[in-house]
Amino acid sequence: MFIGHFAVGLASKQVAPTASLGVLIAAPLLLDLMWPFLLLADWEKVRIDVGNTAFTPLEFISYPYSHSLAMAIVWAALVGLGYWTVTRYPTGAMMIGLGVVSHWVFDAVTHRPDLPLFPGGSTRVGLGLWNSVSGTLAR
């Protein structure tokens, strides 16, 4: 299910050839890389609920800092700016920022309607591809 995130990182190398492939791959994975630490800090919540979707038993109760659209944009800007500050490579910085935001877009297709638009907001989005095992594996 993470292949879409990896694909974005790999495809970004075509646009930003001098950027580190490791950083380009990490960018679309950033939200998921941060998530366990936010769970441990008790800032976000998940529980196991077998049958929640056909593909995953996880019920994402609250994850406004790692997986809201607004925070994905904030993280993208921070990481992109950080990369640009170190490398002065604007194309690489742009692709890294876009990679971070792409995570939310792919998750919006995959998740059931549990992705917040912004922290504290009540609107949740998700098209629910995880309700289809074959659809999820094909993605």
Protein backbone atom coordinates (compact mmCIF):
# COMPACT_ATOMS: atom_id res chain seq x y z
CA MET A 1 0.00 0.00 0.00
CA PHE A 2 3.02 2.29 0.30
CA ILE A 3 4.10 1.78 -3.28
CA GLY A 4 2.39 5.01 -4.38
CA HIS A 5 4.44 6.99 -1.87
CA PHE A 6 7.67 5.33 -3.03
CA ALA A 7 6.71 5.93 -6.67
CA VAL A 8 6.38 9.67 -6.07
CA GLY A 9 9.87 9.76 -4.54
CA LEU A 10 11.37 7.76 -7.39
CA ALA A 11 9.61 9.82 -10.06
CA SER A 12 10.81 13.04 -8.42
CA LYS A 13 14.39 12.09 -9.27
CA GLN A 14 13.51 12.66 -12.94
CA VAL A 15 12.59 16.30 -12.21
CA ALA A 16 15.29 16.97 -9.59
CA PRO A 17 18.22 14.79 -10.72
CA THR A 18 20.80 16.24 -8.34
CA ALA A 19 18.62 15.84 -5.25
CA SER A 20 19.36 12.91 -2.96
CA LEU A 21 17.19 9.92 -3.86
CA GLY A 22 16.93 9.05 -0.18
CA VAL A 23 15.50 12.47 0.65
CA LEU A 24 13.17 12.37 -2.36
CA ILE A 25 11.82 9.00 -1.18
CA ALA A 26 11.60 10.10 2.47
CA ALA A 27 9.52 13.18 1.58
CA PRO A 28 6.35 11.30 0.54
CA LEU A 29 6.81 9.01 3.55
CA LEU A 30 7.38 11.84 6.04
CA LEU A 31 3.84 11.93 7.45
CA ASP A 32 3.98 8.19 8.19
CA LEU A 33 7.51 8.50 9.59
CA MET A 34 6.34 11.15 12.08
CA TRP A 35 3.09 9.40 13.00
CA PRO A 36 4.48 6.75 15.43
CA PHE A 37 6.27 9.44 17.43
CA LEU A 38 3.09 11.50 17.67
CA LEU A 39 1.25 8.36 18.85
CA LEU A 40 3.89 7.75 21.52
CA ALA A 41 3.59 11.38 22.63
CA ASP A 42 -0.19 10.81 22.87
CA TRP A 43 -0.86 13.70 20.48
CA GLU A 44 -2.60 11.39 18.01
CA LYS A 45 -4.76 8.31 18.50
CA VAL A 46 -5.34 5.00 16.74
CA ARG A 47 -6.96 1.77 17.84
CA ILE A 48 -7.21 -1.73 16.48
CA ASP A 49 -10.69 -2.41 15.17
CA VAL A 50 -10.76 -5.61 13.13
CA GLY A 51 -13.13 -5.11 10.21
CA ASN A 52 -12.78 -1.32 10.21
CA THR A 53 -11.84 -1.71 6.54
CA ALA A 54 -11.27 -4.81 4.45
CA PHE A 55 -7.54 -4.12 4.28
CA THR A 56 -6.41 -2.72 7.62
CA PRO A 57 -7.69 -3.22 11.16
CA LEU A 58 -6.61 0.27 12.22
CA GLU A 59 -9.13 2.92 13.16
CA PHE A 60 -7.47 6.31 12.90
CA ILE A 61 -9.24 8.23 15.63
CA SER A 62 -7.21 11.43 15.62
CA TYR A 63 -4.13 12.42 13.64
CA PRO A 64 -4.39 16.13 12.99
CA TYR A 65 -0.66 16.91 13.17
CA SER A 66 0.65 14.20 10.88
CA HIS A 67 -2.23 13.67 8.46
CA SER A 68 -4.36 16.79 8.09
CA LEU A 69 -4.13 18.60 4.76
CA ALA A 70 -3.21 21.89 6.42
CA MET A 71 -0.38 20.33 8.43
CA ALA A 72 0.84 18.37 5.40
CA ILE A 73 1.25 21.73 3.67
CA VAL A 74 3.04 23.16 6.72
CA TRP A 75 5.38 20.15 6.91
CA ALA A 76 6.00 20.40 3.15
CA ALA A 77 6.92 24.07 3.44
CA LEU A 78 9.21 23.45 6.43
CA VAL A 79 11.00 20.48 4.89
CA GLY A 80 11.26 22.12 1.48
CA LEU A 81 12.61 25.32 3.01
CA GLY A 82 15.03 23.34 5.15
CA TYR A 83 16.27 21.46 2.11
CA TRP A 84 16.65 24.68 0.14
CA THR A 85 18.52 26.32 3.03
CA VAL A 86 21.06 23.50 3.07
CA THR A 87 21.40 22.88 -0.68
CA ARG A 88 20.21 26.06 -2.43
CA TYR A 89 18.60 23.71 -4.99
CA PRO A 90 15.11 25.13 -5.61
CA THR A 91 13.93 22.31 -7.88
CA GLY A 92 14.86 19.73 -5.28
CA ALA A 93 13.18 21.75 -2.54
CA MET A 94 10.01 22.07 -4.61
CA MET A 95 9.89 18.34 -5.38
CA ILE A 96 10.46 17.47 -1.73
CA GLY A 97 7.62 19.78 -0.67
CA LEU A 98 5.33 18.34 -3.32
CA GLY A 99 6.31 14.85 -2.22
CA VAL A 100 5.20 15.57 1.35
CA VAL A 101 1.81 16.91 0.21
CA SER A 102 1.38 14.01 -2.23
CA HIS A 103 1.19 11.70 0.78
CA TRP A 104 -2.06 13.30 1.87
CA VAL A 105 -3.48 13.09 -1.67
CA PHE A 106 -2.72 9.36 -1.94
CA ASP A 107 -4.07 8.76 1.55
CA ALA A 108 -7.29 10.60 0.64
CA VAL A 109 -7.86 7.95 -2.03
CA THR A 110 -6.96 5.05 0.27
CA HIS A 111 -8.43 5.91 3.67
CA ARG A 112 -12.06 5.84 4.66
CA PRO A 113 -13.31 9.35 5.54
CA ASP A 114 -10.98 9.92 8.49
CA LEU A 115 -8.42 12.40 7.13
CA PRO A 116 -8.89 15.86 8.64
CA LEU A 117 -8.53 18.98 6.54
CA PHE A 118 -6.99 20.89 9.45
CA PRO A 119 -6.36 20.34 13.17
CA GLY A 120 -9.54 20.84 15.17
CA GLY A 121 -11.77 20.67 12.10
CA SER A 122 -14.72 18.34 11.88
CA THR A 123 -14.57 17.70 8.12
CA ARG A 124 -12.98 14.36 7.29
CA VAL A 125 -12.27 13.03 3.81
CA GLY A 126 -11.34 9.70 2.25
CA LEU A 127 -12.56 7.67 -0.70
CA GLY A 128 -12.17 4.33 1.07
CA LEU A 129 -10.00 2.25 -1.26
CA TRP A 130 -9.02 0.23 1.81
CA ASN A 131 -12.53 -1.22 1.69
CA SER A 132 -11.35 -3.24 -1.32
CA VAL A 133 -8.40 -5.59 -0.81
CA SER A 134 -7.90 -6.12 -4.55
CA GLY A 135 -8.18 -2.39 -5.23
CA THR A 136 -5.66 -1.63 -2.53
CA LEU A 137 -3.19 -4.19 -3.84
CA ALA A 138 -3.59 -2.88 -7.39
CA ARG A 139 -2.77 0.64 -6.28
